[in-house]
């Protein structure tokens, strides 16, 4: 599963310098980190709506949009997927309650 995310992340990185007129990813990145964050938020809200509605197929599609836009937002701030995966690995095996208390 993380292979698909790694490939998507690599594609986003490759489109960073592309012509914004030819690539949705390049057009988002060209608008800056704030716009990328805004778009991520919009997609997250759409996923929440589908989760409440209970439409499995729509939620799956919206979740994919959320993951894509999260990676774009991270790229806009030069945070590689590997950093996020490292953080997840650091938290692995730890209680969520303990992890939050340590912040």
C-alpha atoms as a PDB file:
ATOM      1  CA  UNK A   1       0.000   0.000   0.000  1.00  0.00           C
ATOM      2  CA  UNK A   2       2.738   2.489   0.832  1.00  0.00           C
ATOM      3  CA  UNK A   3       4.228   1.731  -2.581  1.00  0.00           C
ATOM      4  CA  UNK A   4       1.245   3.439  -4.206  1.00  0.00           C
ATOM      5  CA  UNK A   5       1.702   6.438  -1.917  1.00  0.00           C
ATOM      6  CA  UNK A   6       5.421   6.510  -2.667  1.00  0.00           C
ATOM      7  CA  UNK A   7       4.740   6.470  -6.407  1.00  0.00           C
ATOM      8  CA  UNK A   8       2.139   9.226  -6.031  1.00  0.00           C
ATOM      9  CA  UNK A   9       4.554  11.286  -3.958  1.00  0.00           C
ATOM     10  CA  UNK A  10       7.255  10.847  -6.611  1.00  0.00           C
ATOM     11  CA  UNK A  11       4.816  11.918  -9.325  1.00  0.00           C
ATOM     12  CA  UNK A  12       3.906  15.030  -7.346  1.00  0.00           C
ATOM     13  CA  UNK A  13       7.601  15.861  -6.924  1.00  0.00           C
ATOM     14  CA  UNK A  14       8.204  15.335 -10.644  1.00  0.00           C
ATOM     15  CA  UNK A  15       5.384  17.712 -11.551  1.00  0.00           C
ATOM     16  CA  UNK A  16       6.715  20.460  -9.302  1.00  0.00           C
ATOM     17  CA  UNK A  17       8.406  22.262 -12.176  1.00  0.00           C
ATOM     18  CA  UNK A  18       5.847  21.430 -14.872  1.00  0.00           C
ATOM     19  CA  UNK A  19       3.774  23.970 -16.721  1.00  0.00           C
ATOM     20  CA  UNK A  20       0.752  24.747 -14.524  1.00  0.00           C
ATOM     21  CA  UNK A  21      -1.433  24.757 -17.642  1.00  0.00           C
ATOM     22  CA  UNK A  22      -0.554  21.114 -18.305  1.00  0.00           C
ATOM     23  CA  UNK A  23      -0.714  19.632 -14.788  1.00  0.00           C
ATOM     24  CA  UNK A  24      -3.244  19.939 -11.969  1.00  0.00           C
ATOM     25  CA  UNK A  25      -0.472  19.197  -9.484  1.00  0.00           C
ATOM     26  CA  UNK A  26       1.786  21.884 -10.943  1.00  0.00           C
ATOM     27  CA  UNK A  27      -1.082  24.370 -10.926  1.00  0.00           C
ATOM     28  CA  UNK A  28      -1.767  23.694  -7.231  1.00  0.00           C
ATOM     29  CA  UNK A  29       1.904  23.977  -6.289  1.00  0.00           C
ATOM     30  CA  UNK A  30       2.245  27.194  -8.305  1.00  0.00           C
ATOM     31  CA  UNK A  31      -0.525  28.749  -6.183  1.00  0.00           C
ATOM     32  CA  UNK A  32       1.542  28.234  -3.045  1.00  0.00           C
ATOM     33  CA  UNK A  33       1.304  26.321   0.222  1.00  0.00           C
ATOM     34  CA  UNK A  34      -1.704  28.251   1.490  1.00  0.00           C
ATOM     35  CA  UNK A  35      -3.841  27.297  -1.524  1.00  0.00           C
ATOM     36  CA  UNK A  36      -2.644  23.691  -1.266  1.00  0.00           C
ATOM     37  CA  UNK A  37      -3.710  23.651   2.402  1.00  0.00           C
ATOM     38  CA  UNK A  38      -7.074  25.168   1.519  1.00  0.00           C
ATOM     39  CA  UNK A  39      -7.672  22.502  -1.125  1.00  0.00           C
ATOM     40  CA  UNK A  40      -6.685  19.761   1.334  1.00  0.00           C
ATOM     41  CA  UNK A  41      -9.219  21.143   3.806  1.00  0.00           C
ATOM     42  CA  UNK A  42     -11.965  21.175   1.180  1.00  0.00           C
ATOM     43  CA  UNK A  43     -11.268  17.556   0.317  1.00  0.00           C
ATOM     44  CA  UNK A  44     -11.202  16.553   3.993  1.00  0.00           C
ATOM     45  CA  UNK A  45     -14.634  18.114   4.505  1.00  0.00           C
ATOM     46  CA  UNK A  46     -15.972  16.232   1.478  1.00  0.00           C
ATOM     47  CA  UNK A  47     -14.632  12.980   2.965  1.00  0.00           C
ATOM     48  CA  UNK A  48     -16.302  13.779   6.295  1.00  0.00           C
ATOM     49  CA  UNK A  49     -19.614  14.361   4.550  1.00  0.00           C
ATOM     50  CA  UNK A  50     -19.393  11.008   2.771  1.00  0.00           C
ATOM     51  CA  UNK A  51     -18.432   9.265   6.031  1.00  0.00           C
ATOM     52  CA  UNK A  52     -21.562  10.679   7.679  1.00  0.00           C
ATOM     53  CA  UNK A  53     -23.717   9.706   4.703  1.00  0.00           C
ATOM     54  CA  UNK A  54     -22.332   6.179   4.783  1.00  0.00           C
ATOM     55  CA  UNK A  55     -21.673   5.904   1.045  1.00  0.00           C
ATOM     56  CA  UNK A  56     -18.726   3.503   0.946  1.00  0.00           C
ATOM     57  CA  UNK A  57     -17.781   4.120  -2.694  1.00  0.00           C
ATOM     58  CA  UNK A  58     -17.960   7.919  -2.383  1.00  0.00           C
ATOM     59  CA  UNK A  59     -15.993   7.849   0.868  1.00  0.00           C
ATOM     60  CA  UNK A  60     -13.330   5.698  -0.785  1.00  0.00           C
ATOM     61  CA  UNK A  61     -13.053   8.170  -3.675  1.00  0.00           C
ATOM     62  CA  UNK A  62     -12.941  11.162  -1.342  1.00  0.00           C
ATOM     63  CA  UNK A  63     -10.337   9.466   0.862  1.00  0.00           C
ATOM     64  CA  UNK A  64      -8.127   9.052  -2.216  1.00  0.00           C
ATOM     65  CA  UNK A  65      -8.581  12.772  -2.950  1.00  0.00           C
ATOM     66  CA  UNK A  66      -7.636  13.600   0.654  1.00  0.00           C
ATOM     67  CA  UNK A  67      -4.463  11.513   0.442  1.00  0.00           C
ATOM     68  CA  UNK A  68      -3.457  13.110  -2.867  1.00  0.00           C
ATOM     69  CA  UNK A  69      -4.060  16.639  -1.574  1.00  0.00           C
ATOM     70  CA  UNK A  70      -2.235  15.867   1.671  1.00  0.00           C
ATOM     71  CA  UNK A  71       0.824  14.857  -0.350  1.00  0.00           C
ATOM     72  CA  UNK A  72       0.545  18.026  -2.456  1.00  0.00           C
ATOM     73  CA  UNK A  73       0.289  20.146   0.704  1.00  0.00           C
ATOM     74  CA  UNK A  74       3.351  18.424   2.161  1.00  0.00           C
ATOM     75  CA  UNK A  75       5.257  18.945  -1.094  1.00  0.00           C
ATOM     76  CA  UNK A  76       4.353  22.621  -1.048  1.00  0.00           C
ATOM     77  CA  UNK A  77       6.168  22.848   2.297  1.00  0.00           C
ATOM     78  CA  UNK A  78       9.038  20.577   1.190  1.00  0.00           C
ATOM     79  CA  UNK A  79       8.101  17.795   3.593  1.00  0.00           C
ATOM     80  CA  UNK A  80       8.777  14.423   1.980  1.00  0.00           C
ATOM     81  CA  UNK A  81       6.479  11.465   2.514  1.00  0.00           C
ATOM     82  CA  UNK A  82       9.444   9.662   4.050  1.00  0.00           C
ATOM     83  CA  UNK A  83       9.429  12.148   6.957  1.00  0.00           C
ATOM     84  CA  UNK A  84       5.764  11.396   7.659  1.00  0.00           C
ATOM     85  CA  UNK A  85       6.371   7.646   7.426  1.00  0.00           C
ATOM     86  CA  UNK A  86       9.311   7.974   9.827  1.00  0.00           C
ATOM     87  CA  UNK A  87       7.068   9.805  12.288  1.00  0.00           C
ATOM     88  CA  UNK A  88       4.429   7.083  11.999  1.00  0.00           C
ATOM     89  CA  UNK A  89       7.073   4.437  12.625  1.00  0.00           C
ATOM     90  CA  UNK A  90       8.274   6.372  15.676  1.00  0.00           C
ATOM     91  CA  UNK A  91       4.738   6.271  17.067  1.00  0.00           C
ATOM     92  CA  UNK A  92       4.159   2.609  16.206  1.00  0.00           C
ATOM     93  CA  UNK A  93       3.419   0.425  19.193  1.00  0.00           C
ATOM     94  CA  UNK A  94       2.736   3.413  21.428  1.00  0.00           C
ATOM     95  CA  UNK A  95      -0.617   4.105  22.985  1.00  0.00           C
ATOM     96  CA  UNK A  96      -2.336   7.094  21.412  1.00  0.00           C
ATOM     97  CA  UNK A  97      -3.021   8.395  24.893  1.00  0.00           C
ATOM     98  CA  UNK A  98       0.672   8.152  25.823  1.00  0.00           C
ATOM     99  CA  UNK A  99       1.730   9.729  22.516  1.00  0.00           C
ATOM    100  CA  UNK A 100      -0.569  12.721  22.984  1.00  0.00           C
ATOM    101  CA  UNK A 101       0.546  13.174  26.602  1.00  0.00           C
ATOM    102  CA  UNK A 102       4.154  13.378  25.381  1.00  0.00           C
ATOM    103  CA  UNK A 103       3.477  16.354  23.125  1.00  0.00           C
END
